[in-house]
N, C-alpha and C. Protein backbone atom coordinates (compact mmCIF):
# COMPACT_ATOMS: atom_id res chain seq x y z
N MET A 1 117.29 91.55 114.43
CA MET A 1 117.41 92.83 113.77
C MET A 1 116.82 92.78 112.36
N ASN A 2 117.14 91.75 111.61
CA ASN A 2 116.66 91.66 110.23
C ASN A 2 115.28 91.03 110.14
N ALA A 3 114.75 90.55 111.23
CA ALA A 3 113.46 89.88 111.21
C ALA A 3 112.31 90.85 110.95
N LEU A 4 112.38 92.07 111.47
CA LEU A 4 111.30 93.04 111.29
C LEU A 4 111.09 93.40 109.82
N PRO A 5 112.12 93.78 109.06
CA PRO A 5 111.88 94.08 107.64
C PRO A 5 111.33 92.88 106.88
N ILE A 6 111.80 91.68 107.21
CA ILE A 6 111.32 90.48 106.52
C ILE A 6 109.85 90.26 106.86
N LEU A 7 109.49 90.43 108.12
CA LEU A 7 108.10 90.28 108.54
C LEU A 7 107.20 91.31 107.86
N LEU A 8 107.63 92.56 107.81
CA LEU A 8 106.85 93.61 107.15
C LEU A 8 106.68 93.31 105.67
N PHE A 9 107.74 92.85 105.03
CA PHE A 9 107.66 92.49 103.62
C PHE A 9 106.66 91.35 103.42
N PHE A 10 106.72 90.34 104.27
CA PHE A 10 105.80 89.20 104.18
C PHE A 10 104.35 89.66 104.34
N LEU A 11 104.10 90.53 105.31
CA LEU A 11 102.75 91.04 105.53
C LEU A 11 102.26 91.85 104.32
N PHE A 12 103.14 92.65 103.75
CA PHE A 12 102.79 93.45 102.57
C PHE A 12 102.44 92.55 101.39
N VAL A 13 103.27 91.56 101.12
CA VAL A 13 103.03 90.63 100.02
C VAL A 13 101.74 89.84 100.27
N SER A 14 101.51 89.43 101.51
CA SER A 14 100.28 88.69 101.85
C SER A 14 99.05 89.54 101.58
N ALA A 15 99.13 90.82 101.93
CA ALA A 15 97.99 91.72 101.69
C ALA A 15 97.73 91.86 100.19
N LEU A 16 98.78 91.98 99.39
CA LEU A 16 98.61 92.07 97.94
C LEU A 16 97.99 90.80 97.37
N VAL A 17 98.48 89.67 97.81
CA VAL A 17 97.95 88.40 97.33
C VAL A 17 96.48 88.26 97.72
N TYR A 18 96.13 88.64 98.94
CA TYR A 18 94.74 88.56 99.39
C TYR A 18 93.85 89.46 98.54
N ALA A 19 94.31 90.70 98.29
CA ALA A 19 93.52 91.63 97.47
C ALA A 19 93.33 91.06 96.07
N LYS A 20 94.36 90.48 95.49
CA LYS A 20 94.25 89.88 94.16
C LYS A 20 93.30 88.69 94.18
N LYS A 21 93.40 87.88 95.21
CA LYS A 21 92.60 86.67 95.31
C LYS A 21 91.12 87.00 95.44
N THR A 22 90.80 88.05 96.18
CA THR A 22 89.40 88.40 96.40
C THR A 22 88.82 89.21 95.25
N GLY A 23 89.66 89.72 94.36
CA GLY A 23 89.18 90.51 93.24
C GLY A 23 88.95 91.97 93.58
N ASP A 24 89.32 92.39 94.79
CA ASP A 24 89.16 93.78 95.16
C ASP A 24 90.12 94.66 94.38
N VAL A 25 89.68 95.88 94.09
CA VAL A 25 90.53 96.85 93.40
C VAL A 25 90.59 98.11 94.24
N THR A 26 91.64 98.89 94.03
CA THR A 26 91.79 100.15 94.76
C THR A 26 91.53 101.35 93.87
N GLU A 27 91.55 101.15 92.56
CA GLU A 27 91.26 102.21 91.59
C GLU A 27 90.26 101.70 90.57
N LEU A 28 89.55 102.61 89.94
CA LEU A 28 88.58 102.26 88.91
C LEU A 28 89.29 101.57 87.75
N GLN A 29 88.74 100.44 87.32
CA GLN A 29 89.26 99.73 86.15
C GLN A 29 88.16 99.67 85.10
N ILE A 30 88.52 100.07 83.87
CA ILE A 30 87.55 100.10 82.77
C ILE A 30 88.02 99.16 81.69
N GLY A 31 87.19 98.18 81.35
CA GLY A 31 87.50 97.24 80.28
C GLY A 31 86.47 97.40 79.17
N VAL A 32 86.94 97.69 77.96
CA VAL A 32 86.03 97.80 76.82
C VAL A 32 85.80 96.40 76.27
N LYS A 33 84.55 95.95 76.29
CA LYS A 33 84.20 94.61 75.82
C LYS A 33 83.71 94.62 74.38
N HIS A 34 83.12 95.73 73.95
CA HIS A 34 82.66 95.87 72.57
C HIS A 34 82.60 97.36 72.25
N LYS A 35 83.14 97.72 71.10
CA LYS A 35 83.06 99.10 70.64
C LYS A 35 82.50 99.08 69.22
N PRO A 36 81.46 99.87 68.94
CA PRO A 36 80.89 99.89 67.60
C PRO A 36 81.92 100.31 66.56
N ALA A 37 81.71 99.87 65.31
CA ALA A 37 82.63 100.21 64.22
C ALA A 37 82.73 101.72 64.05
N SER A 38 81.59 102.41 64.14
CA SER A 38 81.62 103.87 64.09
C SER A 38 81.09 104.40 65.41
N CYS A 39 81.68 105.49 65.85
CA CYS A 39 81.32 106.06 67.15
C CYS A 39 80.96 107.52 66.94
N GLU A 40 79.73 107.75 66.51
CA GLU A 40 79.30 109.12 66.22
C GLU A 40 78.69 109.80 67.43
N VAL A 41 78.21 109.01 68.40
CA VAL A 41 77.57 109.58 69.58
C VAL A 41 78.33 109.12 70.82
N LEU A 42 78.92 110.09 71.54
CA LEU A 42 79.69 109.82 72.76
C LEU A 42 78.95 110.38 73.97
N ALA A 43 79.13 109.74 75.12
CA ALA A 43 78.55 110.23 76.37
C ALA A 43 79.49 111.24 77.02
N HIS A 44 78.97 112.42 77.30
CA HIS A 44 79.72 113.50 77.94
C HIS A 44 79.05 113.89 79.25
N LYS A 45 79.79 114.59 80.09
CA LYS A 45 79.24 115.09 81.35
C LYS A 45 78.03 115.97 81.03
N GLY A 46 76.94 115.72 81.75
CA GLY A 46 75.71 116.49 81.56
C GLY A 46 74.74 115.86 80.59
N ASP A 47 75.18 114.83 79.83
CA ASP A 47 74.28 114.13 78.91
C ASP A 47 73.29 113.28 79.68
N ARG A 48 72.09 113.14 79.12
CA ARG A 48 71.09 112.21 79.67
C ARG A 48 71.36 110.87 79.01
N VAL A 49 71.75 109.87 79.80
CA VAL A 49 72.13 108.57 79.24
C VAL A 49 71.18 107.47 79.73
N LYS A 50 71.09 106.41 78.92
CA LYS A 50 70.39 105.19 79.31
C LYS A 50 71.41 104.06 79.26
N VAL A 51 71.48 103.31 80.35
CA VAL A 51 72.49 102.26 80.49
C VAL A 51 71.84 100.97 80.98
N HIS A 52 72.11 99.90 80.25
CA HIS A 52 71.78 98.56 80.74
C HIS A 52 72.98 98.09 81.57
N TYR A 53 72.72 97.36 82.64
CA TYR A 53 73.81 96.93 83.52
C TYR A 53 73.47 95.65 84.25
N ARG A 54 74.55 94.99 84.68
CA ARG A 54 74.45 93.85 85.60
C ARG A 54 75.51 94.10 86.66
N GLY A 55 75.09 94.23 87.91
CA GLY A 55 76.01 94.50 89.01
C GLY A 55 76.30 93.23 89.80
N LYS A 56 77.60 92.97 90.03
CA LYS A 56 78.02 91.77 90.75
C LYS A 56 79.03 92.13 91.83
N LEU A 57 79.10 91.28 92.82
CA LEU A 57 80.17 91.35 93.81
C LEU A 57 81.34 90.53 93.27
N THR A 58 82.49 90.62 93.92
CA THR A 58 83.68 89.91 93.43
C THR A 58 83.54 88.39 93.50
N ASP A 59 82.60 87.90 94.31
CA ASP A 59 82.38 86.44 94.36
C ASP A 59 81.41 85.96 93.28
N GLY A 60 80.94 86.89 92.43
CA GLY A 60 80.05 86.54 91.34
C GLY A 60 78.57 86.72 91.64
N THR A 61 78.24 87.04 92.88
CA THR A 61 76.84 87.25 93.25
C THR A 61 76.27 88.46 92.54
N VAL A 62 75.20 88.27 91.77
CA VAL A 62 74.52 89.38 91.09
C VAL A 62 73.59 90.05 92.09
N PHE A 63 73.76 91.37 92.27
CA PHE A 63 72.90 92.09 93.21
C PHE A 63 71.84 92.94 92.50
N ASP A 64 72.01 93.20 91.21
CA ASP A 64 71.01 93.95 90.47
C ASP A 64 71.30 93.82 88.98
N SER A 65 70.24 93.88 88.16
CA SER A 65 70.42 93.78 86.72
C SER A 65 69.24 94.40 85.99
N SER A 66 69.53 95.36 85.13
CA SER A 66 68.47 95.96 84.31
C SER A 66 68.16 95.08 83.11
N PHE A 67 69.10 94.21 82.73
CA PHE A 67 68.89 93.33 81.58
C PHE A 67 67.68 92.43 81.82
N GLU A 68 67.62 91.82 83.01
CA GLU A 68 66.52 90.91 83.32
C GLU A 68 65.18 91.63 83.36
N ARG A 69 65.19 92.90 83.76
CA ARG A 69 63.94 93.69 83.81
C ARG A 69 63.64 94.33 82.45
N ASN A 70 64.62 94.29 81.55
CA ASN A 70 64.52 94.97 80.25
C ASN A 70 64.15 96.45 80.45
N ASN A 71 64.84 97.06 81.43
CA ASN A 71 64.55 98.45 81.78
C ASN A 71 65.86 99.16 82.16
N PRO A 72 66.54 99.77 81.16
CA PRO A 72 67.80 100.44 81.48
C PRO A 72 67.59 101.63 82.41
N ILE A 73 68.62 101.95 83.17
CA ILE A 73 68.56 103.11 84.06
C ILE A 73 68.84 104.36 83.22
N GLU A 74 68.16 105.44 83.55
CA GLU A 74 68.35 106.71 82.86
C GLU A 74 68.76 107.76 83.88
N PHE A 75 69.80 108.54 83.56
CA PHE A 75 70.30 109.55 84.48
C PHE A 75 71.17 110.56 83.74
N GLU A 76 71.49 111.65 84.43
CA GLU A 76 72.38 112.67 83.88
C GLU A 76 73.81 112.34 84.29
N LEU A 77 74.66 112.10 83.31
CA LEU A 77 76.03 111.64 83.55
C LEU A 77 76.90 112.75 84.16
N GLY A 78 77.67 112.37 85.17
CA GLY A 78 78.66 113.27 85.77
C GLY A 78 78.10 114.26 86.76
N THR A 79 76.88 114.03 87.23
CA THR A 79 76.26 114.99 88.14
C THR A 79 75.94 114.41 89.52
N GLY A 80 76.45 113.22 89.81
CA GLY A 80 76.25 112.64 91.14
C GLY A 80 74.92 111.93 91.33
N GLN A 81 74.20 111.65 90.27
CA GLN A 81 72.94 110.92 90.39
C GLN A 81 73.16 109.42 90.59
N VAL A 82 74.36 108.96 90.26
CA VAL A 82 74.74 107.55 90.45
C VAL A 82 76.07 107.52 91.20
N ILE A 83 76.58 106.33 91.49
CA ILE A 83 77.86 106.23 92.20
C ILE A 83 78.98 106.83 91.35
N LYS A 84 80.03 107.30 92.01
CA LYS A 84 81.14 107.97 91.33
C LYS A 84 81.81 107.07 90.29
N GLY A 85 81.89 105.79 90.57
CA GLY A 85 82.50 104.87 89.61
C GLY A 85 81.78 104.85 88.28
N TRP A 86 80.47 105.03 88.30
CA TRP A 86 79.70 105.12 87.05
C TRP A 86 79.93 106.47 86.39
N ASP A 87 79.85 107.56 87.16
CA ASP A 87 80.06 108.89 86.59
C ASP A 87 81.41 108.99 85.89
N GLN A 88 82.42 108.32 86.43
CA GLN A 88 83.75 108.35 85.82
C GLN A 88 83.91 107.29 84.74
N GLY A 89 83.39 106.10 84.98
CA GLY A 89 83.62 104.96 84.10
C GLY A 89 82.84 104.96 82.80
N LEU A 90 81.78 105.77 82.73
CA LEU A 90 80.95 105.80 81.52
C LEU A 90 81.26 107.00 80.62
N LEU A 91 82.08 107.92 81.10
CA LEU A 91 82.45 109.09 80.29
C LEU A 91 83.16 108.65 79.02
N GLY A 92 82.81 109.26 77.91
CA GLY A 92 83.46 108.96 76.64
C GLY A 92 83.00 107.67 75.99
N MET A 93 82.00 107.04 76.56
CA MET A 93 81.49 105.78 76.02
C MET A 93 80.69 106.05 74.76
N CYS A 94 80.83 105.19 73.76
CA CYS A 94 80.08 105.30 72.51
C CYS A 94 78.71 104.65 72.66
N LEU A 95 77.73 105.19 71.95
CA LEU A 95 76.42 104.55 71.91
C LEU A 95 76.59 103.14 71.35
N GLY A 96 76.12 102.13 72.08
CA GLY A 96 76.28 100.74 71.68
C GLY A 96 77.50 100.06 72.26
N GLU A 97 78.36 100.82 72.93
CA GLU A 97 79.58 100.26 73.52
C GLU A 97 79.23 99.47 74.79
N LYS A 98 80.02 98.42 75.04
CA LYS A 98 79.88 97.62 76.25
C LYS A 98 81.18 97.71 77.03
N ARG A 99 81.07 97.99 78.33
CA ARG A 99 82.23 98.08 79.21
C ARG A 99 82.00 97.26 80.47
N LYS A 100 83.13 96.76 81.00
CA LYS A 100 83.11 96.15 82.33
C LYS A 100 83.82 97.13 83.26
N LEU A 101 83.13 97.54 84.30
CA LEU A 101 83.70 98.46 85.29
C LEU A 101 83.97 97.71 86.58
N LYS A 102 85.20 97.80 87.06
CA LYS A 102 85.53 97.29 88.40
C LYS A 102 85.72 98.53 89.27
N ILE A 103 84.82 98.66 90.24
CA ILE A 103 84.73 99.89 91.01
C ILE A 103 85.12 99.65 92.46
N PRO A 104 86.15 100.35 92.94
CA PRO A 104 86.54 100.19 94.35
C PRO A 104 85.46 100.79 95.26
N ALA A 105 85.45 100.35 96.49
CA ALA A 105 84.44 100.80 97.45
C ALA A 105 84.38 102.33 97.55
N LYS A 106 85.53 102.99 97.49
CA LYS A 106 85.55 104.45 97.64
C LYS A 106 84.80 105.16 96.52
N LEU A 107 84.61 104.51 95.37
CA LEU A 107 83.84 105.09 94.26
C LEU A 107 82.48 104.41 94.10
N GLY A 108 82.17 103.52 95.06
CA GLY A 108 80.89 102.81 95.06
C GLY A 108 80.07 103.23 96.26
N TYR A 109 79.86 102.28 97.17
CA TYR A 109 79.03 102.54 98.35
C TYR A 109 79.85 102.68 99.63
N GLY A 110 81.17 102.73 99.50
CA GLY A 110 82.03 103.00 100.65
C GLY A 110 82.01 101.93 101.72
N ASP A 111 82.43 102.34 102.89
CA ASP A 111 82.51 101.42 104.02
C ASP A 111 81.13 101.00 104.54
N GLN A 112 80.11 101.82 104.28
CA GLN A 112 78.77 101.50 104.78
C GLN A 112 78.04 100.51 103.89
N GLY A 113 78.42 100.41 102.60
CA GLY A 113 77.74 99.50 101.69
C GLY A 113 76.32 99.95 101.40
N SER A 114 75.50 99.04 100.92
CA SER A 114 74.08 99.30 100.67
C SER A 114 73.31 98.05 101.10
N PRO A 115 73.14 97.91 102.43
CA PRO A 115 72.50 96.71 102.96
C PRO A 115 71.10 96.52 102.39
N PRO A 116 70.64 95.30 102.25
CA PRO A 116 71.32 94.07 102.66
C PRO A 116 72.15 93.42 101.54
N THR A 117 72.11 93.97 100.33
CA THR A 117 72.73 93.26 99.19
C THR A 117 74.21 93.57 98.98
N ILE A 118 74.66 94.77 99.36
CA ILE A 118 76.06 95.15 99.12
C ILE A 118 76.74 95.42 100.46
N PRO A 119 77.71 94.57 100.81
CA PRO A 119 78.40 94.76 102.09
C PRO A 119 79.33 95.98 102.06
N GLY A 120 79.63 96.49 103.24
CA GLY A 120 80.57 97.60 103.35
C GLY A 120 81.93 97.24 102.80
N GLY A 121 82.57 98.19 102.13
CA GLY A 121 83.91 97.99 101.59
C GLY A 121 83.95 97.14 100.33
N ALA A 122 82.80 96.87 99.72
CA ALA A 122 82.74 95.96 98.57
C ALA A 122 83.23 96.60 97.27
N THR A 123 84.06 95.85 96.54
CA THR A 123 84.38 96.18 95.15
C THR A 123 83.19 95.72 94.32
N LEU A 124 82.77 96.57 93.39
CA LEU A 124 81.62 96.26 92.54
C LEU A 124 82.06 96.03 91.11
N ILE A 125 81.44 95.09 90.44
CA ILE A 125 81.74 94.80 89.04
C ILE A 125 80.45 94.99 88.24
N PHE A 126 80.51 95.86 87.25
CA PHE A 126 79.34 96.13 86.43
C PHE A 126 79.65 95.83 84.97
N ASP A 127 78.78 95.03 84.35
CA ASP A 127 78.77 94.87 82.90
C ASP A 127 77.76 95.89 82.41
N THR A 128 78.21 96.83 81.56
CA THR A 128 77.35 97.93 81.13
C THR A 128 77.24 97.99 79.62
N GLU A 129 76.13 98.54 79.15
CA GLU A 129 75.94 98.80 77.73
C GLU A 129 75.21 100.14 77.61
N LEU A 130 75.81 101.07 76.86
CA LEU A 130 75.20 102.38 76.65
C LEU A 130 74.17 102.26 75.53
N VAL A 131 72.89 102.43 75.88
CA VAL A 131 71.81 102.24 74.90
C VAL A 131 71.11 103.55 74.52
N GLY A 132 71.47 104.66 75.19
CA GLY A 132 70.87 105.94 74.83
C GLY A 132 71.71 107.10 75.31
N VAL A 133 71.79 108.14 74.47
CA VAL A 133 72.45 109.39 74.83
C VAL A 133 71.57 110.54 74.34
N ASN A 134 71.08 111.33 75.28
CA ASN A 134 70.15 112.42 74.97
C ASN A 134 69.00 111.90 74.13
N ASP A 135 68.83 112.37 72.90
CA ASP A 135 67.67 111.94 72.11
C ASP A 135 68.00 110.80 71.14
N LYS A 136 69.20 110.24 71.25
CA LYS A 136 69.60 109.13 70.38
C LYS A 136 69.52 107.82 71.17
N SER A 137 69.00 106.79 70.51
CA SER A 137 68.97 105.49 71.17
C SER A 137 69.68 104.47 70.30
N LEU A 138 70.03 103.35 70.89
CA LEU A 138 70.77 102.31 70.18
C LEU A 138 70.00 101.82 68.96
N GLY A 139 68.71 101.64 69.08
CA GLY A 139 67.88 101.20 67.96
C GLY A 139 67.93 102.16 66.79
N GLU A 140 67.88 103.49 67.09
CA GLU A 140 67.95 104.51 66.04
C GLU A 140 69.30 104.48 65.34
N GLU A 141 70.37 104.29 66.10
CA GLU A 141 71.71 104.25 65.51
C GLU A 141 71.84 103.08 64.55
N LYS A 142 71.31 101.90 64.95
CA LYS A 142 71.38 100.74 64.08
C LYS A 142 70.60 100.96 62.80
N GLU A 143 69.39 101.57 62.92
CA GLU A 143 68.59 101.86 61.74
C GLU A 143 69.31 102.82 60.81
N ASN A 144 69.89 103.90 61.38
CA ASN A 144 70.58 104.88 60.56
C ASN A 144 71.82 104.31 59.90
N SER A 145 72.50 103.40 60.56
CA SER A 145 73.72 102.84 59.99
C SER A 145 73.41 101.87 58.84
N GLU A 146 72.19 101.36 58.81
CA GLU A 146 71.80 100.43 57.75
C GLU A 146 71.26 101.14 56.53
N LEU A 147 71.02 102.44 56.62
CA LEU A 147 70.46 103.20 55.49
C LEU A 147 71.50 103.45 54.42
């Protein structure tokens, strides 16, 4: 009689431990790694942004990186041009800010993934840096702050 609740509890705890062990997440996690001393330019929905990024799987495998190409991605924030985890995770970011985004599959590429580099159901980890917002770029901000 008491074996079923104990078994269910064990299975539940095992699932939690497995999810923690693999690094998978169920909700978007945003970690601020660097925030500029002054934040005069923020990214809002509809802004044209430029973002440097490094995308990894939970096992550490890098599947894409704009840093190595020295070519940040440019897109309109919050309009579905990128995965939902980016549209949500980059909102309110300051020019020059660096964030780590842990994106669950439901806000990434879902159950289908993006073969051959991203398997279905994959949690994605992105190291990001906002280097441009509309007509402002990181280089211009640094120059203006030194004046």
